[in-house]
């Protein structure tokens, strides 16, 4: 996947220092390492696809809960869902 990213300010300075101090050779290496670090931070186990999928689902649910709280929407109870969709 090719991606073009414009980086300014503190992230740009950090990127430059990581290369200047010899931790990485290229900007691309820094960005790849950062992405992998985020994967670890959010417990996205790339070696276990099922676990990764569960973690992504959990992140999506958290985002939806945040959006619902922000917009004032509420979850339907099981009884409300059954009634709304004519289920038994």
N, C-alpha and C. Protein backbone atom coordinates (compact mmCIF):
# COMPACT_ATOMS: atom_id res chain seq x y z
N UNK A 1 0.84 -1.16 0.00
CA UNK A 1 0.00 0.00 0.00
C UNK A 1 0.89 1.24 0.00
N UNK A 2 0.66 2.13 -0.92
CA UNK A 2 1.39 3.38 -0.96
C UNK A 2 0.55 4.46 -0.31
N UNK A 3 1.17 5.24 0.57
CA UNK A 3 0.47 6.29 1.28
C UNK A 3 1.35 7.53 1.36
N UNK A 4 0.77 8.67 1.10
CA UNK A 4 1.49 9.94 1.21
C UNK A 4 1.01 10.62 2.48
N UNK A 5 1.96 10.97 3.36
CA UNK A 5 1.61 11.60 4.63
C UNK A 5 2.42 12.86 4.79
N UNK A 6 1.74 13.96 5.16
CA UNK A 6 2.44 15.21 5.43
C UNK A 6 2.58 15.33 6.95
N UNK A 7 3.81 15.49 7.41
CA UNK A 7 4.08 15.54 8.84
C UNK A 7 4.75 16.87 9.17
N UNK A 8 4.18 17.57 10.15
CA UNK A 8 4.71 18.87 10.58
C UNK A 8 4.88 18.90 12.09
N UNK A 9 5.47 19.95 12.58
CA UNK A 9 5.55 20.19 14.03
C UNK A 9 6.35 19.15 14.78
N UNK A 10 5.88 18.85 15.99
CA UNK A 10 6.58 17.92 16.88
C UNK A 10 6.78 16.54 16.25
N UNK A 11 5.76 15.96 15.58
CA UNK A 11 6.00 14.66 14.94
C UNK A 11 7.13 14.72 13.92
N UNK A 12 7.23 15.80 13.15
CA UNK A 12 8.30 15.93 12.15
C UNK A 12 9.66 16.05 12.83
N UNK A 13 9.71 16.79 13.92
CA UNK A 13 10.98 16.94 14.66
C UNK A 13 11.39 15.59 15.24
N UNK A 14 10.43 14.88 15.83
CA UNK A 14 10.70 13.56 16.40
C UNK A 14 11.21 12.61 15.33
N UNK A 15 10.56 12.62 14.18
CA UNK A 15 10.97 11.77 13.06
C UNK A 15 12.42 12.06 12.69
N UNK A 16 12.75 13.34 12.54
CA UNK A 16 14.12 13.72 12.19
C UNK A 16 15.15 13.30 13.22
N UNK A 17 14.80 13.46 14.49
CA UNK A 17 15.73 13.09 15.56
C UNK A 17 15.96 11.59 15.62
N UNK A 18 14.92 10.81 15.38
CA UNK A 18 15.07 9.35 15.39
C UNK A 18 16.04 8.90 14.30
N UNK A 19 16.01 9.57 13.18
CA UNK A 19 16.93 9.23 12.08
C UNK A 19 18.33 9.78 12.38
N UNK A 20 18.37 11.05 12.82
CA UNK A 20 19.66 11.70 13.12
C UNK A 20 20.44 10.94 14.20
N UNK A 21 19.76 10.43 15.20
CA UNK A 21 20.43 9.70 16.29
C UNK A 21 20.73 8.26 15.93
N UNK A 22 20.32 7.83 14.73
CA UNK A 22 20.67 6.51 14.25
C UNK A 22 19.75 5.38 14.65
N UNK A 23 18.60 5.71 15.23
CA UNK A 23 17.66 4.65 15.59
C UNK A 23 17.06 4.00 14.35
N UNK A 24 16.87 4.80 13.30
CA UNK A 24 16.32 4.34 12.04
C UNK A 24 17.10 4.98 10.90
N UNK A 25 17.07 4.34 9.73
CA UNK A 25 17.78 4.87 8.57
C UNK A 25 16.89 5.76 7.70
N UNK A 26 15.59 5.46 7.67
CA UNK A 26 14.70 6.22 6.78
C UNK A 26 13.41 6.61 7.50
N UNK A 27 12.72 7.57 6.92
CA UNK A 27 11.42 7.99 7.45
C UNK A 27 10.43 6.83 7.40
N UNK A 28 10.48 6.07 6.32
CA UNK A 28 9.56 4.94 6.17
C UNK A 28 9.75 3.93 7.30
N UNK A 29 11.00 3.69 7.70
CA UNK A 29 11.27 2.75 8.80
C UNK A 29 10.65 3.27 10.10
N UNK A 30 10.77 4.56 10.35
CA UNK A 30 10.21 5.15 11.56
C UNK A 30 8.69 4.97 11.58
N UNK A 31 8.06 5.26 10.46
CA UNK A 31 6.61 5.17 10.38
C UNK A 31 6.14 3.72 10.53
N UNK A 32 6.84 2.79 9.88
CA UNK A 32 6.48 1.37 10.02
C UNK A 32 6.59 0.93 11.48
N UNK A 33 7.68 1.32 12.13
CA UNK A 33 7.87 0.95 13.54
C UNK A 33 6.77 1.56 14.41
N UNK A 34 6.39 2.79 14.10
CA UNK A 34 5.31 3.43 14.86
C UNK A 34 3.99 2.70 14.71
N UNK A 35 3.69 2.29 13.50
CA UNK A 35 2.44 1.56 13.25
C UNK A 35 2.45 0.23 13.99
N UNK A 36 3.57 -0.49 13.94
CA UNK A 36 3.67 -1.76 14.66
C UNK A 36 3.55 -1.55 16.16
N UNK A 37 4.13 -0.46 16.66
CA UNK A 37 4.04 -0.14 18.08
C UNK A 37 2.59 0.12 18.48
N UNK A 38 1.84 0.81 17.63
CA UNK A 38 0.42 1.03 17.91
C UNK A 38 -0.34 -0.29 17.91
N UNK A 39 0.03 -1.19 17.02
CA UNK A 39 -0.59 -2.51 17.01
C UNK A 39 -0.39 -3.23 18.33
N UNK A 40 0.81 -3.13 18.88
CA UNK A 40 1.09 -3.74 20.18
C UNK A 40 0.32 -3.03 21.29
N UNK A 41 0.31 -1.70 21.24
CA UNK A 41 -0.38 -0.90 22.26
C UNK A 41 -1.85 -1.28 22.35
N UNK A 42 -2.48 -1.46 21.21
CA UNK A 42 -3.90 -1.79 21.18
C UNK A 42 -4.14 -3.30 21.11
N UNK A 43 -3.11 -4.06 21.42
CA UNK A 43 -3.19 -5.53 21.52
C UNK A 43 -3.73 -6.17 20.25
N UNK A 44 -3.27 -5.71 19.12
CA UNK A 44 -3.66 -6.32 17.85
C UNK A 44 -2.63 -7.38 17.51
N UNK A 45 -2.90 -8.60 17.91
CA UNK A 45 -1.97 -9.70 17.71
C UNK A 45 -2.03 -10.15 16.25
N UNK A 46 -1.05 -9.73 15.47
CA UNK A 46 -1.06 -10.02 14.05
C UNK A 46 -0.82 -11.50 13.76
N UNK A 47 -0.34 -12.26 14.73
CA UNK A 47 -0.09 -13.68 14.51
C UNK A 47 -1.35 -14.51 14.74
N UNK A 48 -2.37 -13.92 15.36
CA UNK A 48 -3.61 -14.63 15.63
C UNK A 48 -4.77 -13.83 15.04
N UNK A 49 -5.18 -14.17 13.81
CA UNK A 49 -6.24 -13.41 13.13
C UNK A 49 -7.55 -13.31 13.92
N UNK A 50 -7.91 -14.37 14.64
CA UNK A 50 -9.15 -14.32 15.42
C UNK A 50 -9.05 -13.29 16.54
N UNK A 51 -7.91 -13.29 17.21
CA UNK A 51 -7.71 -12.33 18.30
C UNK A 51 -7.69 -10.91 17.74
N UNK A 52 -7.03 -10.74 16.60
CA UNK A 52 -6.97 -9.43 15.97
C UNK A 52 -8.38 -8.94 15.62
N UNK A 53 -9.19 -9.83 15.05
CA UNK A 53 -10.56 -9.47 14.70
C UNK A 53 -11.36 -9.08 15.93
N UNK A 54 -11.21 -9.83 17.02
CA UNK A 54 -11.92 -9.51 18.25
C UNK A 54 -11.51 -8.13 18.79
N UNK A 55 -10.23 -7.84 18.71
CA UNK A 55 -9.76 -6.53 19.17
C UNK A 55 -10.30 -5.41 18.31
N UNK A 56 -10.34 -5.62 17.00
CA UNK A 56 -10.89 -4.60 16.11
C UNK A 56 -12.37 -4.39 16.36
N UNK A 57 -13.10 -5.47 16.63
CA UNK A 57 -14.52 -5.36 16.94
C UNK A 57 -14.69 -4.56 18.24
N UNK A 58 -13.87 -4.86 19.23
CA UNK A 58 -13.95 -4.14 20.51
C UNK A 58 -13.69 -2.65 20.31
N UNK A 59 -12.70 -2.31 19.49
CA UNK A 59 -12.41 -0.90 19.21
C UNK A 59 -13.59 -0.24 18.51
N UNK A 60 -14.23 -0.94 17.58
CA UNK A 60 -15.39 -0.40 16.86
C UNK A 60 -16.54 -0.18 17.83
N UNK A 61 -16.78 -1.12 18.72
CA UNK A 61 -17.86 -0.98 19.70
C UNK A 61 -17.60 0.24 20.59
N UNK A 62 -16.36 0.40 21.04
CA UNK A 62 -16.02 1.56 21.86
C UNK A 62 -16.30 2.85 21.11
N UNK A 63 -15.93 2.90 19.83
CA UNK A 63 -16.17 4.10 19.02
C UNK A 63 -17.66 4.37 18.88
N UNK A 64 -18.45 3.31 18.66
CA UNK A 64 -19.90 3.47 18.54
C UNK A 64 -20.52 3.92 19.86
N UNK A 65 -20.05 3.38 20.96
CA UNK A 65 -20.56 3.80 22.27
C UNK A 65 -20.27 5.27 22.51
N UNK A 66 -19.07 5.70 22.15
CA UNK A 66 -18.70 7.11 22.31
C UNK A 66 -19.60 8.00 21.46
N UNK A 67 -19.85 7.58 20.22
CA UNK A 67 -20.71 8.35 19.32
C UNK A 67 -22.15 8.38 19.84
N UNK A 68 -22.64 7.26 20.36
CA UNK A 68 -23.99 7.22 20.90
C UNK A 68 -24.12 8.15 22.11
N UNK A 69 -23.12 8.14 22.97
CA UNK A 69 -23.14 9.01 24.14
C UNK A 69 -23.14 10.47 23.71
N UNK A 70 -22.32 10.77 22.71
CA UNK A 70 -22.21 12.14 22.20
C UNK A 70 -23.52 12.62 21.58
N UNK A 71 -24.21 11.73 20.85
CA UNK A 71 -25.43 12.11 20.15
C UNK A 71 -26.69 11.92 21.01
N UNK A 72 -26.52 11.31 22.19
CA UNK A 72 -27.67 11.11 23.07
C UNK A 72 -28.51 9.89 22.72
N UNK A 73 -28.07 9.09 21.78
CA UNK A 73 -28.81 7.88 21.42
C UNK A 73 -28.62 6.83 22.50
N UNK A 74 -29.58 5.91 22.58
CA UNK A 74 -29.49 4.84 23.57
C UNK A 74 -29.68 3.49 22.91
N UNK A 75 -29.12 2.48 23.53
CA UNK A 75 -29.31 1.12 23.05
C UNK A 75 -30.75 0.69 23.27
N UNK A 76 -31.24 -0.18 22.39
CA UNK A 76 -32.55 -0.79 22.59
C UNK A 76 -32.38 -2.00 23.49
N UNK A 77 -33.38 -2.23 24.35
CA UNK A 77 -33.35 -3.44 25.16
C UNK A 77 -33.71 -4.62 24.26
N UNK A 78 -33.47 -5.83 24.75
CA UNK A 78 -33.82 -7.02 23.99
C UNK A 78 -35.32 -7.04 23.68
N UNK A 79 -36.13 -6.66 24.64
CA UNK A 79 -37.58 -6.63 24.43
C UNK A 79 -37.96 -5.59 23.37
N UNK A 80 -37.29 -4.44 23.36
CA UNK A 80 -37.58 -3.41 22.35
C UNK A 80 -37.20 -3.88 20.95
N UNK A 81 -36.10 -4.60 20.86
CA UNK A 81 -35.67 -5.14 19.56
C UNK A 81 -36.68 -6.17 19.06
N UNK A 82 -37.09 -7.07 19.96
CA UNK A 82 -38.07 -8.10 19.58
C UNK A 82 -39.36 -7.46 19.08
N UNK A 83 -39.82 -6.45 19.79
CA UNK A 83 -41.06 -5.78 19.42
C UNK A 83 -40.89 -5.05 18.08
N UNK A 84 -39.80 -4.33 17.94
CA UNK A 84 -39.55 -3.53 16.72
C UNK A 84 -39.49 -4.41 15.47
N UNK A 85 -38.87 -5.59 15.58
CA UNK A 85 -38.67 -6.45 14.42
C UNK A 85 -39.61 -7.66 14.39
N UNK A 86 -40.61 -7.66 15.29
CA UNK A 86 -41.59 -8.73 15.29
C UNK A 86 -41.01 -10.09 15.60
N UNK A 87 -40.08 -10.13 16.53
CA UNK A 87 -39.44 -11.39 16.91
C UNK A 87 -40.08 -11.95 18.18
N UNK A 88 -39.93 -13.24 18.39
CA UNK A 88 -40.50 -13.88 19.58
C UNK A 88 -39.47 -14.08 20.65
